[in-house]
Amino acid sequence: MQSSTHPTLRYLSTALSLAALMALSGCDYLGIEPASKAAEDKVAEGKAIGGACRHANRALEDCYRYNPKAHKAAVFDGWKDMDVYMRENKLDTIAPVTPPEPAKKPAAKPADEEMITESADKPADKPADKKASAAKH
């Protein structure tokens, strides 16, 4: 017994099904990275940054400051893991290549703020002083 569908329609539906399947599975070929892979990469990079900071004898706070976009928990984990590794294997730290940043100077106040601050610093005349000075005159 022959099927009632035309062979061309069957071929066309099979071809469309295969094309849809290939399109859905082809995301890796297009270079689209899944969110979970991006998150894993960010954590791995944070651990590497933390380990490098510990090996270079940098404080954890400096590591955070120099790498503000890094995942802080991953940086801490990398720093801590490297600390344990260095203690177990009795490794010395290396001198950092980049010198620490100099302390930043506070920004200058705008002229309007200085005037407001100066007037706020001056003691205001008390009402009792005004009455006393008015009585003397």
N, C-alpha and C. Protein backbone atom coordinates (compact mmCIF):
# COMPACT_ATOMS: atom_id res chain seq x y z
N MET A 1 0.85 -1.17 0.00
CA MET A 1 0.00 0.00 0.00
C MET A 1 0.89 1.23 0.00
N GLN A 2 0.57 2.17 -0.85
CA GLN A 2 1.33 3.40 -0.99
C GLN A 2 0.78 4.46 -0.07
N SER A 3 1.69 5.33 0.40
CA SER A 3 1.21 6.42 1.26
C SER A 3 0.51 7.45 0.40
N SER A 4 -0.38 8.19 1.02
CA SER A 4 -1.18 9.14 0.28
C SER A 4 -0.45 10.45 0.02
N THR A 5 0.71 10.68 0.69
CA THR A 5 1.44 11.92 0.46
C THR A 5 2.30 11.80 -0.78
N HIS A 6 2.45 12.85 -1.41
CA HIS A 6 3.25 12.93 -2.62
C HIS A 6 4.73 12.87 -2.24
N PRO A 7 5.58 12.19 -2.99
CA PRO A 7 7.00 12.06 -2.65
C PRO A 7 7.71 13.41 -2.56
N THR A 8 7.29 14.39 -3.33
CA THR A 8 7.91 15.70 -3.29
C THR A 8 7.62 16.39 -1.96
N LEU A 9 6.39 16.26 -1.47
CA LEU A 9 6.03 16.86 -0.19
C LEU A 9 6.80 16.19 0.95
N ARG A 10 6.96 14.91 0.88
CA ARG A 10 7.70 14.19 1.90
C ARG A 10 9.17 14.63 1.89
N TYR A 11 9.74 14.77 0.70
CA TYR A 11 11.12 15.23 0.56
C TYR A 11 11.26 16.66 1.10
N LEU A 12 10.31 17.51 0.78
CA LEU A 12 10.33 18.91 1.22
C LEU A 12 10.22 19.01 2.74
N SER A 13 9.33 18.24 3.35
CA SER A 13 9.17 18.30 4.81
C SER A 13 10.42 17.76 5.51
N THR A 14 11.04 16.74 4.94
CA THR A 14 12.27 16.21 5.52
C THR A 14 13.38 17.24 5.42
N ALA A 15 13.50 17.90 4.28
CA ALA A 15 14.53 18.92 4.08
C ALA A 15 14.33 20.10 5.02
N LEU A 16 13.09 20.52 5.20
CA LEU A 16 12.80 21.63 6.12
C LEU A 16 13.11 21.24 7.57
N SER A 17 12.79 20.02 7.93
CA SER A 17 13.09 19.54 9.29
C SER A 17 14.59 19.52 9.54
N LEU A 18 15.34 19.02 8.56
CA LEU A 18 16.79 19.00 8.70
C LEU A 18 17.38 20.41 8.76
N ALA A 19 16.85 21.32 7.97
CA ALA A 19 17.34 22.71 7.99
C ALA A 19 17.06 23.36 9.33
N ALA A 20 15.89 23.12 9.89
CA ALA A 20 15.55 23.69 11.20
C ALA A 20 16.44 23.11 12.28
N LEU A 21 16.70 21.82 12.21
CA LEU A 21 17.55 21.17 13.19
C LEU A 21 18.97 21.71 13.12
N MET A 22 19.47 21.91 11.92
CA MET A 22 20.81 22.45 11.75
C MET A 22 20.89 23.89 12.23
N ALA A 23 19.85 24.66 11.99
CA ALA A 23 19.85 26.05 12.42
C ALA A 23 19.85 26.16 13.94
N LEU A 24 19.10 25.29 14.60
CA LEU A 24 19.05 25.33 16.05
C LEU A 24 20.34 24.83 16.70
N SER A 25 20.98 23.89 16.08
CA SER A 25 22.21 23.36 16.66
C SER A 25 23.45 24.11 16.21
N GLY A 26 23.30 25.05 15.31
CA GLY A 26 24.44 25.76 14.74
C GLY A 26 24.89 26.98 15.50
N CYS A 27 24.35 27.22 16.68
CA CYS A 27 24.74 28.41 17.43
C CYS A 27 26.23 28.40 17.75
N ASP A 28 26.81 27.24 18.03
CA ASP A 28 28.23 27.16 18.31
C ASP A 28 29.06 27.54 17.09
N TYR A 29 28.57 27.24 15.91
CA TYR A 29 29.30 27.55 14.69
C TYR A 29 29.28 29.03 14.37
N LEU A 30 28.29 29.73 14.90
CA LEU A 30 28.17 31.17 14.63
C LEU A 30 28.99 32.00 15.60
N GLY A 31 29.56 31.37 16.60
CA GLY A 31 30.37 32.10 17.56
C GLY A 31 29.58 32.68 18.72
N ILE A 32 28.34 32.27 18.83
CA ILE A 32 27.52 32.75 19.94
C ILE A 32 27.86 31.92 21.16
N GLU A 33 28.31 32.59 22.22
CA GLU A 33 28.74 31.90 23.43
C GLU A 33 27.58 31.85 24.42
N PRO A 34 27.29 30.67 24.97
CA PRO A 34 26.22 30.60 25.97
C PRO A 34 26.59 31.38 27.23
N ALA A 35 25.58 31.83 27.95
CA ALA A 35 25.81 32.65 29.15
C ALA A 35 26.58 31.88 30.21
N SER A 36 26.34 30.59 30.32
CA SER A 36 27.05 29.81 31.33
C SER A 36 28.54 29.76 31.03
N LYS A 37 28.90 29.67 29.76
CA LYS A 37 30.31 29.64 29.37
C LYS A 37 30.97 30.99 29.68
N ALA A 38 30.26 32.08 29.42
CA ALA A 38 30.80 33.41 29.71
C ALA A 38 31.01 33.59 31.21
N ALA A 39 30.08 33.09 32.02
CA ALA A 39 30.22 33.20 33.48
C ALA A 39 31.40 32.37 33.97
N GLU A 40 31.57 31.17 33.41
CA GLU A 40 32.70 30.32 33.80
C GLU A 40 34.02 30.99 33.44
N ASP A 41 34.07 31.62 32.27
CA ASP A 41 35.29 32.31 31.84
C ASP A 41 35.62 33.47 32.78
N LYS A 42 34.59 34.21 33.21
CA LYS A 42 34.80 35.35 34.09
C LYS A 42 35.33 34.90 35.46
N VAL A 43 34.80 33.80 35.95
CA VAL A 43 35.27 33.25 37.23
C VAL A 43 36.72 32.77 37.10
N ALA A 44 37.02 32.07 36.01
CA ALA A 44 38.38 31.58 35.80
C ALA A 44 39.37 32.73 35.67
N GLU A 45 38.96 33.79 34.98
CA GLU A 45 39.83 34.96 34.85
C GLU A 45 40.04 35.64 36.19
N GLY A 46 39.00 35.72 37.01
CA GLY A 46 39.12 36.31 38.35
C GLY A 46 40.07 35.52 39.22
N LYS A 47 39.99 34.19 39.14
CA LYS A 47 40.91 33.35 39.93
C LYS A 47 42.35 33.55 39.48
N ALA A 48 42.55 33.67 38.17
CA ALA A 48 43.90 33.88 37.66
C ALA A 48 44.44 35.24 38.11
N ILE A 49 43.60 36.24 38.11
CA ILE A 49 44.02 37.57 38.56
C ILE A 49 44.39 37.53 40.04
N GLY A 50 43.56 36.88 40.85
CA GLY A 50 43.83 36.78 42.28
C GLY A 50 45.12 36.03 42.56
N GLY A 51 45.35 34.95 41.85
CA GLY A 51 46.58 34.19 42.04
C GLY A 51 47.80 34.99 41.65
N ALA A 52 47.70 35.72 40.56
CA ALA A 52 48.82 36.55 40.11
C ALA A 52 49.10 37.67 41.11
N CYS A 53 48.04 38.25 41.67
CA CYS A 53 48.23 39.31 42.66
C CYS A 53 48.94 38.77 43.89
N ARG A 54 48.56 37.60 44.35
CA ARG A 54 49.21 37.02 45.53
C ARG A 54 50.67 36.68 45.23
N HIS A 55 50.93 36.15 44.06
CA HIS A 55 52.30 35.79 43.70
C HIS A 55 53.17 37.03 43.58
N ALA A 56 52.58 38.15 43.19
CA ALA A 56 53.31 39.41 43.08
C ALA A 56 53.33 40.18 44.39
N ASN A 57 52.85 39.55 45.47
CA ASN A 57 52.84 40.15 46.80
C ASN A 57 52.01 41.42 46.88
N ARG A 58 50.92 41.44 46.14
CA ARG A 58 50.00 42.58 46.21
C ARG A 58 48.90 42.27 47.21
N ALA A 59 48.45 43.30 47.89
CA ALA A 59 47.34 43.15 48.82
C ALA A 59 46.07 42.88 48.03
N LEU A 60 45.15 42.21 48.66
CA LEU A 60 43.89 41.88 48.00
C LEU A 60 43.13 43.14 47.60
N GLU A 61 43.18 44.17 48.43
CA GLU A 61 42.49 45.42 48.13
C GLU A 61 43.09 46.09 46.89
N ASP A 62 44.43 46.01 46.74
CA ASP A 62 45.07 46.56 45.55
C ASP A 62 44.64 45.79 44.31
N CYS A 63 44.51 44.50 44.47
CA CYS A 63 44.08 43.66 43.36
C CYS A 63 42.67 44.06 42.90
N TYR A 64 41.79 44.31 43.85
CA TYR A 64 40.44 44.76 43.51
C TYR A 64 40.50 46.12 42.81
N ARG A 65 41.35 47.01 43.32
CA ARG A 65 41.42 48.36 42.77
C ARG A 65 41.99 48.36 41.35
N TYR A 66 42.99 47.52 41.10
CA TYR A 66 43.60 47.46 39.77
C TYR A 66 42.72 46.73 38.76
N ASN A 67 41.79 45.91 39.22
CA ASN A 67 40.92 45.11 38.34
C ASN A 67 39.46 45.29 38.74
N PRO A 68 38.89 46.47 38.51
CA PRO A 68 37.54 46.73 39.01
C PRO A 68 36.45 45.89 38.32
N LYS A 69 36.71 45.40 37.11
CA LYS A 69 35.69 44.63 36.40
C LYS A 69 35.75 43.14 36.72
N ALA A 70 36.76 42.72 37.46
CA ALA A 70 36.92 41.30 37.78
C ALA A 70 35.91 40.89 38.85
N HIS A 71 35.50 39.64 38.81
CA HIS A 71 34.56 39.07 39.77
C HIS A 71 35.27 38.98 41.12
N LYS A 72 34.83 39.74 42.11
CA LYS A 72 35.55 39.87 43.38
C LYS A 72 35.68 38.55 44.14
N ALA A 73 34.63 37.76 44.15
CA ALA A 73 34.71 36.47 44.86
C ALA A 73 35.72 35.54 44.20
N ALA A 74 35.77 35.56 42.88
CA ALA A 74 36.73 34.72 42.17
C ALA A 74 38.16 35.22 42.40
N VAL A 75 38.34 36.53 42.45
CA VAL A 75 39.67 37.09 42.73
C VAL A 75 40.12 36.64 44.12
N PHE A 76 39.22 36.71 45.09
CA PHE A 76 39.56 36.28 46.44
C PHE A 76 39.92 34.80 46.47
N ASP A 77 39.12 33.97 45.78
CA ASP A 77 39.41 32.53 45.75
C ASP A 77 40.78 32.26 45.14
N GLY A 78 41.10 32.94 44.05
CA GLY A 78 42.40 32.76 43.41
C GLY A 78 43.54 33.21 44.31
N TRP A 79 43.34 34.33 45.00
CA TRP A 79 44.36 34.87 45.91
C TRP A 79 44.60 33.89 47.05
N LYS A 80 43.49 33.38 47.62
CA LYS A 80 43.58 32.46 48.75
C LYS A 80 44.23 31.14 48.32
N ASP A 81 43.82 30.60 47.17
CA ASP A 81 44.41 29.35 46.68
C ASP A 81 45.91 29.49 46.45
N MET A 82 46.31 30.61 45.87
CA MET A 82 47.74 30.83 45.62
C MET A 82 48.49 30.99 46.94
N ASP A 83 47.87 31.61 47.93
CA ASP A 83 48.50 31.77 49.23
C ASP A 83 48.77 30.41 49.86
N VAL A 84 47.79 29.53 49.82
CA VAL A 84 47.96 28.18 50.37
C VAL A 84 49.05 27.44 49.59
N TYR A 85 49.02 27.53 48.28
CA TYR A 85 50.01 26.86 47.44
C TYR A 85 51.43 27.35 47.74
N MET A 86 51.57 28.67 47.88
CA MET A 86 52.90 29.24 48.13
C MET A 86 53.41 28.84 49.51
N ARG A 87 52.54 28.77 50.50
CA ARG A 87 52.96 28.37 51.84
C ARG A 87 53.37 26.90 51.88
N GLU A 88 52.57 26.05 51.21
CA GLU A 88 52.88 24.62 51.21
C GLU A 88 54.20 24.33 50.51
N ASN A 89 54.48 25.06 49.43
CA ASN A 89 55.68 24.80 48.64
C ASN A 89 56.82 25.74 48.97
N LYS A 90 56.63 26.57 49.99
CA LYS A 90 57.66 27.52 50.45
C LYS A 90 58.20 28.37 49.31
N LEU A 91 57.29 28.95 48.54
CA LEU A 91 57.66 29.82 47.42
C LEU A 91 57.74 31.26 47.88
N ASP A 92 58.68 31.99 47.33
CA ASP A 92 58.80 33.42 47.61
C ASP A 92 57.95 34.19 46.62
N THR A 93 57.60 35.40 47.03
CA THR A 93 56.86 36.27 46.12
C THR A 93 57.84 36.89 45.13
N ILE A 94 57.29 37.40 44.04
CA ILE A 94 58.11 38.10 43.07
C ILE A 94 57.81 39.59 43.19
N ALA A 95 58.76 40.41 42.77
CA ALA A 95 58.55 41.86 42.81
C ALA A 95 57.59 42.25 41.69
N PRO A 96 56.59 43.05 42.00
CA PRO A 96 55.67 43.48 40.95
C PRO A 96 56.39 44.34 39.91
N VAL A 97 55.97 44.21 38.67
CA VAL A 97 56.59 44.97 37.59
C VAL A 97 56.11 46.41 37.60
N THR A 98 54.84 46.62 37.87
CA THR A 98 54.30 47.97 37.89
C THR A 98 54.37 48.53 39.30
N PRO A 99 54.86 49.76 39.43
CA PRO A 99 54.93 50.36 40.77
C PRO A 99 53.53 50.71 41.27
N PRO A 100 53.35 50.80 42.58
CA PRO A 100 52.04 51.19 43.09
C PRO A 100 51.71 52.61 42.66
N GLU A 101 50.44 52.87 42.51
CA GLU A 101 50.00 54.20 42.09
C GLU A 101 50.24 55.21 43.21
N PRO A 102 50.66 56.44 42.85
CA PRO A 102 50.81 57.46 43.89
C PRO A 102 49.44 57.86 44.43
N ALA A 103 49.45 58.37 45.64
CA ALA A 103 48.19 58.81 46.26
C ALA A 103 47.61 59.96 45.46
N LYS A 104 46.32 59.90 45.25
CA LYS A 104 45.66 60.95 44.47
C LYS A 104 45.41 62.17 45.36
N LYS A 105 45.60 63.36 44.77
CA LYS A 105 45.32 64.59 45.49
C LYS A 105 43.82 64.85 45.47
N PRO A 106 43.28 65.41 46.53
CA PRO A 106 41.85 65.72 46.51
C PRO A 106 41.57 66.80 45.47
N ALA A 107 40.44 66.70 44.85
CA ALA A 107 40.05 67.66 43.82
C ALA A 107 39.83 69.04 44.45
N ALA A 108 40.18 70.08 43.71
CA ALA A 108 40.00 71.45 44.19
C ALA A 108 38.50 71.77 44.24
N LYS A 109 38.13 72.53 45.26
CA LYS A 109 36.73 72.91 45.39
C LYS A 109 36.41 74.02 44.39
N PRO A 110 35.22 73.99 43.81
CA PRO A 110 34.80 75.11 42.95
C PRO A 110 34.66 76.38 43.79
N ALA A 111 34.76 77.53 43.14
CA ALA A 111 34.72 78.83 43.83
C ALA A 111 33.41 79.01 44.60
N ASP A 112 32.28 78.54 44.05
CA ASP A 112 31.00 78.71 44.72
C ASP A 112 30.98 77.96 46.05
N GLU A 113 31.54 76.75 46.08
CA GLU A 113 31.57 75.98 47.31
C GLU A 113 32.44 76.64 48.37
N GLU A 114 33.55 77.25 47.96
CA GLU A 114 34.44 77.91 48.91
C GLU A 114 33.72 79.07 49.58
N MET A 115 32.95 79.83 48.80
CA MET A 115 32.23 80.96 49.37
C MET A 115 31.19 80.48 50.38
N ILE A 116 30.48 79.40 50.05
CA ILE A 116 29.46 78.87 50.95
C ILE A 116 30.13 78.36 52.23
N THR A 117 31.25 77.67 52.09
CA THR A 117 31.96 77.12 53.24
C THR A 117 32.49 78.24 54.13
N GLU A 118 33.04 79.30 53.54
CA GLU A 118 33.57 80.40 54.33
C GLU A 118 32.46 81.10 55.10
N SER A 119 31.31 81.31 54.47
CA SER A 119 30.22 82.00 55.16
C SER A 119 29.64 81.10 56.25
N ALA A 120 29.68 79.80 56.07
CA ALA A 120 29.17 78.88 57.10
C ALA A 120 30.12 78.81 58.28
N ASP A 121 31.43 79.05 58.04
CA ASP A 121 32.41 78.98 59.11
C ASP A 121 32.35 80.21 60.02
N LYS A 122 31.91 81.34 59.51
CA LYS A 122 31.85 82.56 60.31
C LYS A 122 30.68 82.46 61.29
N PRO A 123 30.92 82.86 62.54
CA PRO A 123 29.81 82.80 63.50
C PRO A 123 28.77 83.87 63.16
N ALA A 124 27.54 83.48 63.23
CA ALA A 124 26.44 84.42 62.93
C ALA A 124 26.18 85.27 64.17
N ASP A 125 25.70 86.51 63.94
CA ASP A 125 25.34 87.36 65.06
C ASP A 125 24.13 86.77 65.76
N LYS A 126 24.22 86.73 67.08
CA LYS A 126 23.11 86.18 67.83
C LYS A 126 22.09 87.29 68.03
N PRO A 127 20.81 86.95 68.14
CA PRO A 127 19.78 87.97 68.34
C PRO A 127 20.02 88.76 69.64
N ALA A 128 20.54 88.13 70.66
CA ALA A 128 20.80 88.83 71.92
C ALA A 128 21.89 89.88 71.71
N ASP A 129 22.91 89.58 70.89
CA ASP A 129 23.97 90.53 70.61
C ASP A 129 23.43 91.73 69.85
N LYS A 130 22.48 91.49 68.95
CA LYS A 130 21.92 92.59 68.16
C LYS A 130 21.11 93.53 69.08
N LYS A 131 20.38 92.95 70.02
CA LYS A 131 19.59 93.79 70.92
C LYS A 131 20.52 94.58 71.84
N ALA A 132 21.59 93.98 72.29
CA ALA A 132 22.53 94.65 73.17
C ALA A 132 23.21 95.77 72.42
N SER A 133 23.59 95.54 71.18
CA SER A 133 24.27 96.58 70.43
C SER A 133 23.31 97.69 70.06
N ALA A 134 22.03 97.36 69.86
CA ALA A 134 21.04 98.39 69.54
C ALA A 134 20.75 99.23 70.77
N ALA A 135 20.77 98.66 71.96
CA ALA A 135 20.52 99.39 73.20
C ALA A 135 21.65 100.35 73.51
N LYS A 136 22.85 100.01 73.13
CA LYS A 136 24.01 100.89 73.39
C LYS A 136 23.96 102.11 72.51
N HIS A 137 23.37 102.02 71.35
CA HIS A 137 23.38 103.15 70.41
C HIS A 137 22.25 104.02 70.65
